[in-house]
C-alpha atoms as a PDB file:
ATOM      1  CA  MET A   1     -19.931  11.854 -58.266  1.00  0.00           C
ATOM      2  CA  LEU A   2     -17.379  12.130 -55.786  1.00  0.00           C
ATOM      3  CA  SER A   3     -13.632  13.353 -56.918  1.00  0.00           C
ATOM      4  CA  GLU A   4     -10.698  12.233 -55.919  1.00  0.00           C
ATOM      5  CA  THR A   5      -9.572  15.178 -53.752  1.00  0.00           C
ATOM      6  CA  HIS A   6     -13.388  14.872 -52.299  1.00  0.00           C
ATOM      7  CA  ILE A   7     -12.711  11.187 -51.006  1.00  0.00           C
ATOM      8  CA  TYR A   8      -9.499  11.990 -49.434  1.00  0.00           C
ATOM      9  CA  ILE A   9     -10.861  14.467 -47.687  1.00  0.00           C
ATOM     10  CA  ILE A  10     -13.305  12.306 -46.148  1.00  0.00           C
ATOM     11  CA  ALA A  11     -11.009   9.886 -45.340  1.00  0.00           C
ATOM     12  CA  GLY A  12      -8.533  12.078 -43.538  1.00  0.00           C
ATOM     13  CA  VAL A  13     -11.306  13.239 -41.848  1.00  0.00           C
ATOM     14  CA  ALA A  14     -12.861   9.714 -40.561  1.00  0.00           C
ATOM     15  CA  SER A  15      -9.185   9.122 -39.738  1.00  0.00           C
ATOM     16  CA  ILE A  16      -8.861  12.067 -37.774  1.00  0.00           C
ATOM     17  CA  ALA A  17     -12.027  11.065 -35.909  1.00  0.00           C
ATOM     18  CA  ALA A  18     -11.012   7.178 -35.129  1.00  0.00           C
ATOM     19  CA  ALA A  19      -7.906   8.610 -33.646  1.00  0.00           C
ATOM     20  CA  ALA A  20      -9.545  11.282 -31.639  1.00  0.00           C
ATOM     21  CA  VAL A  21     -12.734   8.061 -30.769  1.00  0.00           C
ATOM     22  CA  ILE A  22      -9.665   5.493 -29.408  1.00  0.00           C
ATOM     23  CA  ALA A  23      -7.826   8.699 -27.777  1.00  0.00           C
ATOM     24  CA  VAL A  24     -10.354   9.090 -25.678  1.00  0.00           C
ATOM     25  CA  LEU A  25     -11.248   5.240 -24.717  1.00  0.00           C
ATOM     26  CA  THR A  26      -7.403   4.854 -23.709  1.00  0.00           C
ATOM     27  CA  ARG A  27      -7.630   7.824 -21.297  1.00  0.00           C
ATOM     28  CA  LEU A  28     -10.821   6.740 -20.184  1.00  0.00           C
ATOM     29  CA  THR A  29      -9.798   2.860 -19.725  1.00  0.00           C
ATOM     30  CA  TRP A  30      -6.230   4.397 -18.175  1.00  0.00           C
ATOM     31  CA  ARG A  31      -8.373   6.305 -15.810  1.00  0.00           C
ATOM     32  CA  ARG A  32     -10.291   3.364 -14.455  1.00  0.00           C
ATOM     33  CA  ARG A  33      -6.970   1.261 -14.208  1.00  0.00           C
ATOM     34  CA  VAL A  34      -5.688   3.649 -12.291  1.00  0.00           C
ATOM     35  CA  ARG A  35      -8.495   3.975  -9.869  1.00  0.00           C
ATOM     36  CA  ARG A  36      -8.637   0.289  -9.046  1.00  0.00           C
ATOM     37  CA  TYR A  37      -4.863   0.765  -8.229  1.00  0.00           C
ATOM     38  CA  ILE A  38      -5.802   3.304  -5.817  1.00  0.00           C
ATOM     39  CA  VAL A  39      -8.594   0.861  -4.170  1.00  0.00           C
ATOM     40  CA  THR A  40      -6.091  -1.245  -4.040  1.00  0.00           C
ATOM     41  CA  LEU A  41      -3.626   1.114  -2.341  1.00  0.00           C
ATOM     42  CA  VAL A  42      -6.876   2.281  -0.129  1.00  0.00           C
ATOM     43  CA  GLY A  43      -7.430  -1.370   0.567  1.00  0.00           C
ATOM     44  CA  GLY A  44      -3.582  -1.748   1.543  1.00  0.00           C
ATOM     45  CA  ARG A  45      -3.642   1.140   4.179  1.00  0.00           C
ATOM     46  CA  GLU A  46      -6.729  -0.254   5.871  1.00  0.00           C
ATOM     47  CA  THR A  47      -4.569  -3.580   6.034  1.00  0.00           C
ATOM     48  CA  VAL A  48      -1.451  -1.893   7.954  1.00  0.00           C
ATOM     49  CA  ARG A  49      -4.033   0.245  10.142  1.00  0.00           C
ATOM     50  CA  SER A  50      -6.034  -2.242  11.244  1.00  0.00           C
ATOM     51  CA  ALA A  51      -2.428  -4.271  12.662  1.00  0.00           C
ATOM     52  CA  PHE A  52      -1.231  -1.101  13.696  1.00  0.00           C
ATOM     53  CA  GLN A  53      -4.310  -0.579  15.691  1.00  0.00           C
ATOM     54  CA  GLY A  54      -3.847  -3.903  16.899  1.00  0.00           C
ATOM     55  CA  VAL A  55      -0.352  -3.446  18.039  1.00  0.00           C
ATOM     56  CA  GLY A  56      -1.192  -0.338  19.757  1.00  0.00           C
ATOM     57  CA  ARG A  57      -3.759  -2.012  21.921  1.00  0.00           C
ATOM     58  CA  VAL A  58      -1.693  -4.452  23.104  1.00  0.00           C
ATOM     59  CA  SER A  59       1.202  -1.906  23.873  1.00  0.00           C
ATOM     60  CA  ALA A  60      -1.569   0.277  25.694  1.00  0.00           C
ATOM     61  CA  GLU A  61      -2.640  -3.020  27.441  1.00  0.00           C
ATOM     62  CA  LEU A  62       0.856  -3.595  28.742  1.00  0.00           C
ATOM     63  CA  ALA A  63       1.920  -0.002  29.460  1.00  0.00           C
ATOM     64  CA  GLN A  64      -0.765  -0.406  32.229  1.00  0.00           C
ATOM     65  CA  ALA A  65      -0.165  -4.081  33.268  1.00  0.00           C
ATOM     66  CA  SER A  66       1.314  -5.210  36.564  1.00  0.00           C
ATOM     67  CA  ASP A  67       4.646  -6.379  36.822  1.00  0.00           C
ATOM     68  CA  GLY A  68       3.407  -9.726  37.258  1.00  0.00           C
ATOM     69  CA  GLU A  69       1.033  -9.590  33.998  1.00  0.00           C
ATOM     70  CA  LEU A  70       4.451  -8.399  31.726  1.00  0.00           C
ATOM     71  CA  ILE A  71       6.213 -11.237  33.538  1.00  0.00           C
ATOM     72  CA  ALA A  72       3.325 -13.461  32.164  1.00  0.00           C
ATOM     73  CA  PHE A  73       3.552 -11.844  29.263  1.00  0.00           C
ATOM     74  CA  ALA A  74       7.171 -12.467  28.170  1.00  0.00           C
ATOM     75  CA  THR A  75       7.396 -16.257  29.352  1.00  0.00           C
ATOM     76  CA  ASP A  76       4.051 -16.955  27.990  1.00  0.00           C
ATOM     77  CA  VAL A  77       4.780 -17.403  24.028  1.00  0.00           C
ATOM     78  CA  ASP A  78       1.173 -18.843  23.664  1.00  0.00           C
ATOM     79  CA  SER A  79      -0.581 -15.852  25.474  1.00  0.00           C
ATOM     80  CA  GLU A  80      -3.092 -14.649  22.696  1.00  0.00           C
ATOM     81  CA  ASP A  81      -1.028 -11.214  22.520  1.00  0.00           C
ATOM     82  CA  ARG A  82       2.112 -13.151  21.566  1.00  0.00           C
ATOM     83  CA  ARG A  83      -0.057 -15.366  18.886  1.00  0.00           C
ATOM     84  CA  MET A  84      -2.277 -12.000  17.723  1.00  0.00           C
ATOM     85  CA  LEU A  85       1.428  -9.717  17.157  1.00  0.00           C
ATOM     86  CA  ALA A  86       2.858 -12.774  15.554  1.00  0.00           C
ATOM     87  CA  ASP A  87       0.220 -12.889  13.390  1.00  0.00           C
ATOM     88  CA  ILE A  88       0.235  -9.449  12.502  1.00  0.00           C
ATOM     89  CA  ALA A  89       4.006  -9.880  11.456  1.00  0.00           C
ATOM     90  CA  ASP A  90       3.139 -12.300   9.192  1.00  0.00           C
ATOM     91  CA  ARG A  91       0.397 -10.200   7.831  1.00  0.00           C
ATOM     92  CA  MET A  92       2.606  -7.362   7.527  1.00  0.00           C
ATOM     93  CA  SER A  93       5.291  -8.851   5.522  1.00  0.00           C
ATOM     94  CA  ILE A  94       2.693 -10.426   3.117  1.00  0.00           C
ATOM     95  CA  SER A  95       1.678  -7.119   2.702  1.00  0.00           C
ATOM     96  CA  SER A  96       5.292  -5.641   2.527  1.00  0.00           C
ATOM     97  CA  ASP A  97       6.303  -8.475  -0.413  1.00  0.00           C
ATOM     98  CA  GLU A  98       2.763  -7.471  -2.246  1.00  0.00           C
ATOM     99  CA  LEU A  99       2.875  -3.748  -2.288  1.00  0.00           C
ATOM    100  CA  GLN A 100       6.701  -3.960  -3.198  1.00  0.00           C
ATOM    101  CA  THR A 101       6.023  -6.116  -5.663  1.00  0.00           C
ATOM    102  CA  MET A 102       2.844  -4.820  -7.523  1.00  0.00           C
ATOM    103  CA  ALA A 103       2.614  -3.124 -11.088  1.00  0.00           C
ATOM    104  CA  LEU A 104       1.788   0.270 -10.664  1.00  0.00           C
ATOM    105  CA  PRO A 105       1.720   3.317 -12.333  1.00  0.00           C
ATOM    106  CA  LYS A 106       4.869   5.436 -11.069  1.00  0.00           C
ATOM    107  CA  ARG A 107       2.845   8.249  -9.599  1.00  0.00           C
ATOM    108  CA  LEU A 108       1.522   5.951  -7.413  1.00  0.00           C
ATOM    109  CA  TRP A 109       5.008   4.589  -6.493  1.00  0.00           C
ATOM    110  CA  PRO A 110       5.959   6.612  -3.382  1.00  0.00           C
ATOM    111  CA  ALA A 111       2.663   5.486  -1.846  1.00  0.00           C
ATOM    112  CA  ALA A 112       2.890   2.553  -2.337  1.00  0.00           C
ATOM    113  CA  ASP A 113       6.540   2.399  -0.954  1.00  0.00           C
ATOM    114  CA  ALA A 114       5.456   4.345   2.107  1.00  0.00           C
ATOM    115  CA  LEU A 115       2.533   1.372   2.749  1.00  0.00           C
ATOM    116  CA  ALA A 116       5.462  -0.977   1.904  1.00  0.00           C
ATOM    117  CA  ASP A 117       7.934   0.592   4.941  1.00  0.00           C
ATOM    118  CA  ALA A 118       5.186   0.970   7.454  1.00  0.00           C
ATOM    119  CA  ALA A 119       4.747  -2.686   7.051  1.00  0.00           C
ATOM    120  CA  SER A 120       7.789  -3.705   7.076  1.00  0.00           C
ATOM    121  CA  LEU A 121       8.451  -1.830   9.909  1.00  0.00           C
ATOM    122  CA  LEU A 122       5.563  -2.641  12.005  1.00  0.00           C
ATOM    123  CA  GLY A 123       6.167  -6.051  11.092  1.00  0.00           C
ATOM    124  CA  SER A 124       9.429  -6.621  12.014  1.00  0.00           C
ATOM    125  CA  GLN A 125       8.827  -4.718  15.405  1.00  0.00           C
ATOM    126  CA  ALA A 126       6.000  -7.456  15.754  1.00  0.00           C
ATOM    127  CA  ALA A 127       7.773 -10.086  15.252  1.00  0.00           C
ATOM    128  CA  ALA A 128      10.575  -8.661  17.519  1.00  0.00           C
ATOM    129  CA  VAL A 129       8.185  -8.714  20.354  1.00  0.00           C
ATOM    130  CA  SER A 130       6.334 -12.058  19.589  1.00  0.00           C
ATOM    131  CA  GLY A 131       9.393 -14.084  18.785  1.00  0.00           C
ATOM    132  CA  GLY A 132      11.484 -13.354  21.903  1.00  0.00           C
ATOM    133  CA  GLN A 133      11.823 -14.892  25.470  1.00  0.00           C
ATOM    134  CA  GLY A 134      11.849 -13.271  28.765  1.00  0.00           C
ATOM    135  CA  VAL A 135      13.704  -9.903  28.710  1.00  0.00           C
ATOM    136  CA  GLU A 136      13.991  -9.894  24.863  1.00  0.00           C
ATOM    137  CA  VAL A 137      10.485  -9.417  24.661  1.00  0.00           C
ATOM    138  CA  LEU A 138      10.090  -6.504  26.894  1.00  0.00           C
ATOM    139  CA  ASP A 139      13.152  -5.042  25.640  1.00  0.00           C
ATOM    140  CA  ALA A 140      11.338  -5.023  21.882  1.00  0.00           C
ATOM    141  CA  LEU A 141       8.804  -3.601  23.448  1.00  0.00           C
ATOM    142  CA  GLY A 142      10.582  -0.524  24.690  1.00  0.00           C
ATOM    143  CA  GLU A 143      11.889  -0.239  21.396  1.00  0.00           C
ATOM    144  CA  MET A 144       8.247  -0.224  19.361  1.00  0.00           C
ATOM    145  CA  ASP A 145       9.193   2.804  16.999  1.00  0.00           C
ATOM    146  CA  LEU A 146       5.127   2.977  16.368  1.00  0.00           C
ATOM    147  CA  VAL A 147       5.720   6.781  15.941  1.00  0.00           C
ATOM    148  CA  GLY A 148       7.788   6.045  12.702  1.00  0.00           C
ATOM    149  CA  VAL A 149       4.567   3.629  11.335  1.00  0.00           C
ATOM    150  CA  VAL A 150       2.785   6.400  11.770  1.00  0.00           C
ATOM    151  CA  SER A 151       4.239   8.905   9.741  1.00  0.00           C
ATOM    152  CA  LEU A 152       4.894   6.349   6.636  1.00  0.00           C
ATOM    153  CA  LEU A 153       1.241   5.996   6.961  1.00  0.00           C
ATOM    154  CA  GLU A 154       0.516   9.222   7.025  1.00  0.00           C
ATOM    155  CA  ALA A 155       3.444   9.858   4.005  1.00  0.00           C
ATOM    156  CA  ALA A 156       0.973   7.455   2.101  1.00  0.00           C
ATOM    157  CA  ASP A 157      -2.400   9.231   2.892  1.00  0.00           C
ATOM    158  CA  ALA A 158      -0.693  12.164   2.025  1.00  0.00           C
ATOM    159  CA  THR A 159      -0.271  10.817  -2.375  1.00  0.00           C
ATOM    160  CA  LEU A 160      -3.240   8.660  -1.878  1.00  0.00           C
ATOM    161  CA  GLY A 161      -5.343  11.771  -1.195  1.00  0.00           C
ATOM    162  CA  ASP A 162      -4.154  13.457  -3.831  1.00  0.00           C
ATOM    163  CA  MET A 163      -4.454  10.472  -6.377  1.00  0.00           C
ATOM    164  CA  ARG A 164      -7.769  10.092  -5.145  1.00  0.00           C
ATOM    165  CA  GLU A 165      -8.720  13.446  -5.677  1.00  0.00           C
ATOM    166  CA  ARG A 166      -6.900  13.937  -9.256  1.00  0.00           C
ATOM    167  CA  TYR A 167      -8.526  10.363 -10.414  1.00  0.00           C
ATOM    168  CA  GLY A 168     -12.317  10.819  -8.843  1.00  0.00           C
ATOM    169  CA  ALA A 169     -11.573   7.680  -6.450  1.00  0.00           C
ATOM    170  CA  SER A 170     -12.345   9.934  -3.351  1.00  0.00           C
ATOM    171  CA  GLU A 171     -16.017   8.784  -2.050  1.00  0.00           C
ATOM    172  CA  ASP A 172     -14.949   5.494  -0.845  1.00  0.00           C
ATOM    173  CA  ALA A 173     -15.540   3.859   2.541  1.00  0.00           C
ATOM    174  CA  VAL A 174     -14.355   0.845   4.694  1.00  0.00           C
ATOM    175  CA  TYR A 175     -15.983  -1.141   6.130  1.00  0.00           C
ATOM    176  CA  GLY A 176     -15.268  -4.725   8.103  1.00  0.00           C
ATOM    177  CA  GLY A 177     -12.048  -4.737   5.994  1.00  0.00           C
ATOM    178  CA  GLY A 178     -14.068  -4.344   2.412  1.00  0.00           C
ATOM    179  CA  LEU A 179     -14.090  -1.735   0.152  1.00  0.00           C
ATOM    180  CA  TYR A 180     -16.756  -0.055  -1.460  1.00  0.00           C
ATOM    181  CA  ILE A 181     -17.033   2.126  -4.097  1.00  0.00           C
END
């Protein structure tokens, strides 16, 4: 028969083993959750990049446009490019709000903040161009700070790159706006 000491030893070992299993499972669950947040942020980054490419395309087209085409762009609020810029402004406003209010682990805050700032900057600039009339449109177009957006995206990429590597979420591919891991 087991003595009282043996029973306490067995209970202690079982408690330590249970605590170790709980600790390992908790850590694995946390890593999985952080990976999901990283995937969400990568999706947000791709949303901002896509909008940035759209604005860049419009800017490049207008840089090579004739005076008549620039005047038509500035005066026609229903042009395809102005509607696209208005849509980008709306999407970037929503993306910025989502990124600013998303509950994230503290380590991911810098990436989310940089992405939110990039979305906000891009959205406000697109709104200034799409919402103006006449000379205001051309002035807003000339004052666009796409370099600022690029620097914010690079800051987010640096933080996300480190976190993706750390949490094993580095094998992602973005295709058609969807994220596959």
